[in-house]
Amino acid sequence: MKRLSFMVSMAMLISCVASCDSGSDAVSYGVGTLSLGLSANPSFSTKTRSVNEAEYKKADNYQVTVKDADGASLYNGLYKDMPLSIDLTAGKGYTVKAFYGENVNAGFDKLYVEGSQEFTVSEGEQKNVILYCKPANVKVSVVYTEDFLKYYSDCTVSLSTSHLTAPFEVNMKKDSGKDAYLKANADGEKVSITVGGFRDKEGNPVVMEALVAEKKVAPKTHLTITVDPEVITISTGTASLDVTVDTGTEDKDVNIEIPEEYWPGNASK
């Protein structure tokens, strides 16, 4: 019976633990064997709004590939369908990978979880390998505070990365309640953030330059962009805009202010 356990791999992730025995799923290497199990934690520090994380906790859902050092495929299929043994050459290098979800460049509610490991096996050796599967992309949430909603009825956050040929847009009205997921390089991904398309409470465009920020984040990071006006004078409806980027692991705040001439009440329509 295969083993699936859920463990904390990063401080930003919440531990979800489940397990089943992996004793019988041994992959044979001549007279050597590899015992394969999966260990995955699909959770971020806050609940994913529109993704069913329970599906990411099921070992049977994971696709598994086994390739040799030359890229030749020895297995490509579901974890539940793996044969009890696969003949491999002792001393040769191999890579085993397990993944679940769509590894898109950007998309709403497209959580992608992956784990991989390189290994060799000697003749007569029994090797135990557990793949630690973790979110491999960056989760992005955009939050609009109640104070912001007092002055604005709409805006759009545009996200750019090295994997995108055009910005991925998160609109305040159309995409409410959705989380965006961005493909990220293993050594970190630079995310450019542009906030624009502001409309006042009457739905009229607020003409001003877009607000821009940039952050480099690692895979498994939850990027929270909070659009929050720092109210200067409530009675006159004037405000500045504060855009905060929170990675959940370290202080990475970006504060951007709307120039005074563009504050509600002063902006040209």
Protein backbone atom coordinates (compact mmCIF):
# COMPACT_ATOMS: atom_id res chain seq x y z
CA MET A 1 0.00 0.00 0.00
CA LYS A 2 1.40 3.41 -0.91
CA ARG A 3 2.34 6.06 1.59
CA LEU A 4 1.19 9.67 1.46
CA SER A 5 2.19 11.97 4.29
CA PHE A 6 1.76 15.72 4.56
CA MET A 7 4.50 17.60 6.32
CA VAL A 8 5.56 21.19 6.93
CA SER A 9 8.33 22.08 4.51
CA MET A 10 8.35 25.91 4.82
CA ALA A 11 7.36 28.28 7.61
CA MET A 12 4.79 29.89 5.32
CA LEU A 13 2.91 26.58 4.88
CA ILE A 14 0.30 25.07 7.19
CA SER A 15 0.91 21.41 8.07
CA CYS A 16 -1.64 18.93 6.72
CA VAL A 17 -0.75 15.37 7.72
CA ALA A 18 -2.07 12.16 6.18
CA SER A 19 -0.37 8.85 5.52
CA CYS A 20 -0.61 5.37 4.13
CA ASP A 21 1.98 2.59 3.97
CA SER A 22 4.36 2.43 0.99
CA GLY A 23 5.92 -0.93 1.68
CA SER A 24 4.67 -2.80 -1.37
CA ASP A 25 5.48 -0.16 -3.99
CA ALA A 26 9.10 -1.15 -4.51
CA VAL A 27 10.76 -0.41 -7.83
CA SER A 28 13.30 -3.07 -8.74
CA TYR A 29 16.84 -2.26 -9.90
CA GLY A 30 18.10 -5.70 -10.83
CA VAL A 31 18.79 -7.03 -7.36
CA GLY A 32 18.37 -3.55 -5.87
CA THR A 33 15.07 -1.86 -5.01
CA LEU A 34 13.65 1.63 -4.58
CA SER A 35 10.78 2.17 -2.15
CA LEU A 36 8.82 5.20 -3.32
CA GLY A 37 6.51 7.36 -1.22
CA LEU A 38 4.98 10.83 -1.56
CA SER A 39 5.06 13.61 1.00
CA ALA A 40 3.13 16.75 0.07
CA ASN A 41 1.90 19.94 1.66
CA PRO A 42 -0.34 21.92 -0.71
CA SER A 43 -1.32 24.59 1.83
CA PHE A 44 -0.24 28.19 2.17
CA SER A 45 -0.34 30.20 5.39
CA THR A 46 -3.88 31.29 4.54
CA LYS A 47 -6.65 29.19 3.07
CA THR A 48 -6.77 29.05 -0.71
CA ARG A 49 -10.12 30.52 -1.64
CA SER A 50 -11.22 28.56 -4.73
CA VAL A 51 -8.94 25.53 -4.83
CA ASN A 52 -10.02 22.20 -3.35
CA GLU A 53 -6.85 21.36 -1.43
CA ALA A 54 -8.29 17.96 -0.46
CA GLU A 55 -7.64 16.77 -4.02
CA TYR A 56 -3.97 17.67 -3.62
CA LYS A 57 -3.74 15.42 -0.57
CA LYS A 58 -4.67 12.25 -2.45
CA ALA A 59 -1.67 10.23 -3.59
CA ASP A 60 -3.67 8.58 -6.36
CA ASN A 61 -4.08 11.96 -8.10
CA TYR A 62 -0.35 12.49 -8.61
CA GLN A 63 1.35 11.92 -11.93
CA VAL A 64 4.73 10.22 -11.57
CA THR A 65 7.59 10.14 -14.07
CA VAL A 66 10.82 8.18 -13.88
CA LYS A 67 13.58 9.10 -16.36
CA ASP A 68 17.20 8.15 -16.77
CA ALA A 69 20.08 10.59 -17.16
CA ASP A 70 19.59 10.59 -20.95
CA GLY A 71 15.95 11.66 -20.63
CA ALA A 72 14.51 8.27 -21.58
CA SER A 73 11.19 7.65 -19.85
CA LEU A 74 10.82 4.47 -17.82
CA TYR A 75 7.46 5.34 -16.28
CA ASN A 76 4.89 8.04 -16.90
CA GLY A 77 1.55 7.56 -15.22
CA LEU A 78 -0.48 7.88 -12.04
CA TYR A 79 1.04 6.93 -8.71
CA LYS A 80 -1.73 4.39 -8.13
CA ASP A 81 -0.93 2.64 -11.41
CA MET A 82 2.83 2.24 -10.91
CA PRO A 83 4.01 -1.32 -11.48
CA LEU A 84 5.48 -3.16 -8.54
CA SER A 85 8.89 -3.23 -10.22
CA ILE A 86 10.75 -1.34 -12.92
CA ASP A 87 14.08 -2.67 -14.18
CA LEU A 88 16.80 -0.04 -13.95
CA THR A 89 20.54 -0.16 -14.44
CA ALA A 90 22.57 -0.09 -11.25
CA GLY A 91 24.95 2.88 -11.08
CA LYS A 92 23.08 4.98 -13.63
CA GLY A 93 21.49 8.29 -12.69
CA TYR A 94 17.71 8.68 -12.55
CA THR A 95 15.15 11.35 -11.75
CA VAL A 96 11.74 10.65 -10.26
CA LYS A 97 9.10 13.40 -10.21
CA ALA A 98 5.55 13.61 -8.91
CA PHE A 99 3.16 16.48 -9.60
CA TYR A 100 -0.48 17.50 -9.51
CA GLY A 101 -2.22 20.50 -11.06
CA GLU A 102 -1.56 22.61 -14.15
CA ASN A 103 1.84 24.26 -14.46
CA VAL A 104 0.57 27.31 -16.35
CA ASN A 105 2.45 30.59 -16.73
CA ALA A 106 -0.41 32.38 -14.99
CA GLY A 107 -3.99 31.57 -14.15
CA PHE A 108 -6.72 31.84 -11.59
CA ASP A 109 -6.92 29.02 -9.04
CA LYS A 110 -4.15 27.04 -10.78
CA LEU A 111 -2.24 25.63 -7.80
CA TYR A 112 0.63 23.41 -8.97
CA VAL A 113 2.35 21.03 -6.55
CA GLU A 114 5.55 19.21 -7.44
CA GLY A 115 8.41 17.20 -5.98
CA SER A 116 11.44 15.59 -7.62
CA GLN A 117 14.65 13.83 -6.67
CA GLU A 118 17.72 12.57 -8.47
CA PHE A 119 19.19 9.25 -7.36
CA THR A 120 21.34 6.30 -8.25
CA VAL A 121 21.07 2.74 -6.97
CA SER A 122 23.75 0.14 -6.50
CA GLU A 123 23.32 -3.53 -7.16
CA GLY A 124 21.83 -5.16 -4.10
CA GLU A 125 20.87 -1.80 -2.55
CA GLN A 126 17.41 -1.05 -1.20
CA LYS A 127 16.86 2.71 -1.46
CA ASN A 128 13.98 4.53 0.22
CA VAL A 129 12.94 7.72 -1.57
CA ILE A 130 10.16 10.07 -0.45
CA LEU A 131 9.22 12.90 -2.79
CA TYR A 132 8.40 16.08 -0.89
CA CYS A 133 5.75 17.74 -3.04
CA LYS A 134 5.17 21.45 -2.40
CA PRO A 135 3.57 24.37 -4.24
CA ALA A 136 5.91 25.22 -7.12
CA ASN A 137 4.26 28.48 -8.15
CA VAL A 138 3.54 31.82 -6.49
CA LYS A 139 0.08 32.49 -5.11
CA VAL A 140 -1.17 36.08 -5.47
CA SER A 141 -4.16 37.53 -3.61
CA VAL A 142 -5.45 41.07 -4.06
CA VAL A 143 -7.34 42.58 -1.14
CA TYR A 144 -9.30 45.83 -1.14
CA THR A 145 -10.02 47.35 2.26
CA GLU A 146 -13.31 48.92 3.31
CA ASP A 147 -11.68 52.35 3.32
CA PHE A 148 -10.62 51.91 -0.30
CA LEU A 149 -14.19 51.02 -1.26
CA LYS A 150 -15.39 54.34 0.16
CA TYR A 151 -13.68 56.19 -2.69
CA TYR A 152 -13.25 53.73 -5.57
CA SER A 153 -15.58 51.32 -7.35
CA ASP A 154 -13.03 49.53 -9.53
CA CYS A 155 -9.35 49.08 -10.39
CA THR A 156 -7.09 46.51 -12.04
CA VAL A 157 -3.85 44.95 -10.81
CA SER A 158 -1.53 43.80 -13.62
CA LEU A 159 1.17 41.20 -12.92
CA SER A 160 4.24 40.58 -15.08
CA THR A 161 6.92 37.87 -14.85
CA SER A 162 9.66 36.41 -17.02
CA HIS A 163 7.22 33.70 -18.17
CA LEU A 164 4.56 36.10 -19.46
CA THR A 165 4.52 37.89 -22.81
CA ALA A 166 1.63 40.10 -21.63
CA PRO A 167 0.57 41.15 -18.12
CA PHE A 168 -1.89 38.95 -16.25
CA GLU A 169 -4.74 41.11 -14.98
CA VAL A 170 -6.74 40.85 -11.77
CA ASN A 171 -9.81 43.07 -11.91
CA MET A 172 -11.48 44.20 -8.70
CA LYS A 173 -15.03 43.46 -9.88
CA LYS A 174 -14.67 40.62 -12.36
CA ASP A 175 -12.12 38.57 -10.42
CA SER A 176 -13.37 39.06 -6.87
CA GLY A 177 -12.63 36.06 -4.64
CA LYS A 178 -10.06 34.52 -7.00
CA ASP A 179 -6.39 33.81 -6.34
CA ALA A 180 -3.85 34.12 -9.14
CA TYR A 181 -0.99 31.66 -9.54
CA LEU A 182 2.25 32.54 -11.34
CA LYS A 183 4.95 30.21 -12.61
CA ALA A 184 8.19 30.90 -10.74
CA ASN A 185 11.82 30.01 -11.36
CA ALA A 186 13.40 27.85 -8.68
CA ASP A 187 15.91 30.60 -7.82
CA GLY A 188 13.21 33.26 -7.52
CA GLU A 189 10.85 35.19 -9.75
CA LYS A 190 10.67 38.96 -10.24
CA VAL A 191 7.02 40.03 -10.16
CA SER A 192 6.16 43.48 -11.50
CA ILE A 193 2.93 44.94 -10.11
CA THR A 194 0.97 47.72 -11.78
CA VAL A 195 -2.20 49.14 -10.23
CA GLY A 196 -4.42 51.27 -12.46
CA GLY A 197 -7.82 51.60 -14.04
CA PHE A 198 -9.28 53.38 -11.02
CA ARG A 199 -12.93 54.40 -11.10
CA ASP A 200 -14.69 56.59 -8.57
CA LYS A 201 -17.92 55.66 -6.80
CA GLU A 202 -19.95 56.95 -9.76
CA GLY A 203 -18.01 54.70 -12.13
CA ASN A 204 -16.10 57.54 -13.77
CA PRO A 205 -12.43 56.97 -14.68
CA VAL A 206 -9.89 58.59 -12.38
CA VAL A 207 -7.18 59.85 -14.74
CA MET A 208 -3.70 59.35 -13.29
CA GLU A 209 -0.48 57.47 -13.87
CA ALA A 210 -0.44 53.81 -12.95
CA LEU A 211 1.16 52.80 -9.65
CA VAL A 212 4.10 50.43 -9.98
CA ALA A 213 5.92 48.07 -7.61
CA GLU A 214 8.29 45.13 -8.04
CA LYS A 215 9.24 42.18 -5.85
CA LYS A 216 11.38 39.09 -6.24
CA VAL A 217 9.76 36.08 -4.62
CA ALA A 218 10.46 32.35 -4.39
CA PRO A 219 8.15 29.48 -5.30
CA LYS A 220 5.71 28.59 -2.48
CA THR A 221 5.36 32.28 -1.64
CA HIS A 222 1.94 33.80 -0.99
CA LEU A 223 2.01 37.36 -2.30
CA THR A 224 -0.74 39.53 -0.82
CA ILE A 225 -1.35 42.90 -2.45
CA THR A 226 -3.49 45.11 -0.23
CA VAL A 227 -5.04 48.21 -1.77
CA ASP A 228 -5.69 50.42 1.23
CA PRO A 229 -6.15 54.21 1.31
CA GLU A 230 -4.52 56.06 4.15
CA VAL A 231 -7.24 58.58 4.76
CA ILE A 232 -5.97 62.16 5.15
CA THR A 233 -9.23 64.06 5.47
CA ILE A 234 -12.36 61.94 5.56
CA SER A 235 -14.68 64.95 5.47
CA THR A 236 -13.37 66.12 2.10
CA GLY A 237 -12.93 62.63 0.66
CA THR A 238 -9.22 62.99 0.04
CA ALA A 239 -6.93 60.00 0.48
CA SER A 240 -3.59 58.50 -0.45
CA LEU A 241 -3.18 54.94 -1.64
CA ASP A 242 -1.03 52.34 0.10
CA VAL A 243 -0.13 49.15 -1.78
CA THR A 244 1.41 46.52 0.50
CA VAL A 245 3.14 43.36 -0.69
CA ASP A 246 3.30 40.70 2.01
CA THR A 247 5.22 37.47 1.34
CA GLY A 248 4.30 35.96 4.69
CA THR A 249 7.92 35.14 5.56
CA GLU A 250 9.74 38.44 5.70
CA ASP A 251 9.01 42.14 5.66
CA LYS A 252 8.65 43.20 2.02
CA ASP A 253 6.30 46.16 2.09
CA VAL A 254 5.95 48.52 -0.83
CA ASN A 255 4.20 51.82 -0.19
CA ILE A 256 3.00 53.82 -3.18
CA GLU A 257 1.06 57.05 -2.88
CA ILE A 258 -1.28 58.65 -5.37
CA PRO A 259 -0.12 62.23 -6.00
CA GLU A 260 -2.37 64.74 -4.24
CA GLU A 261 -3.79 66.11 -7.49
CA TYR A 262 -5.25 62.67 -8.18
CA TRP A 263 -6.96 62.20 -4.82
CA PRO A 264 -10.74 61.77 -4.96
CA GLY A 265 -12.31 65.18 -5.22
CA ASN A 266 -9.24 66.60 -6.96
CA ALA A 267 -8.82 64.14 -9.83
CA SER A 268 -10.05 65.05 -13.28
CA LYS A 269 -12.79 62.79 -14.62
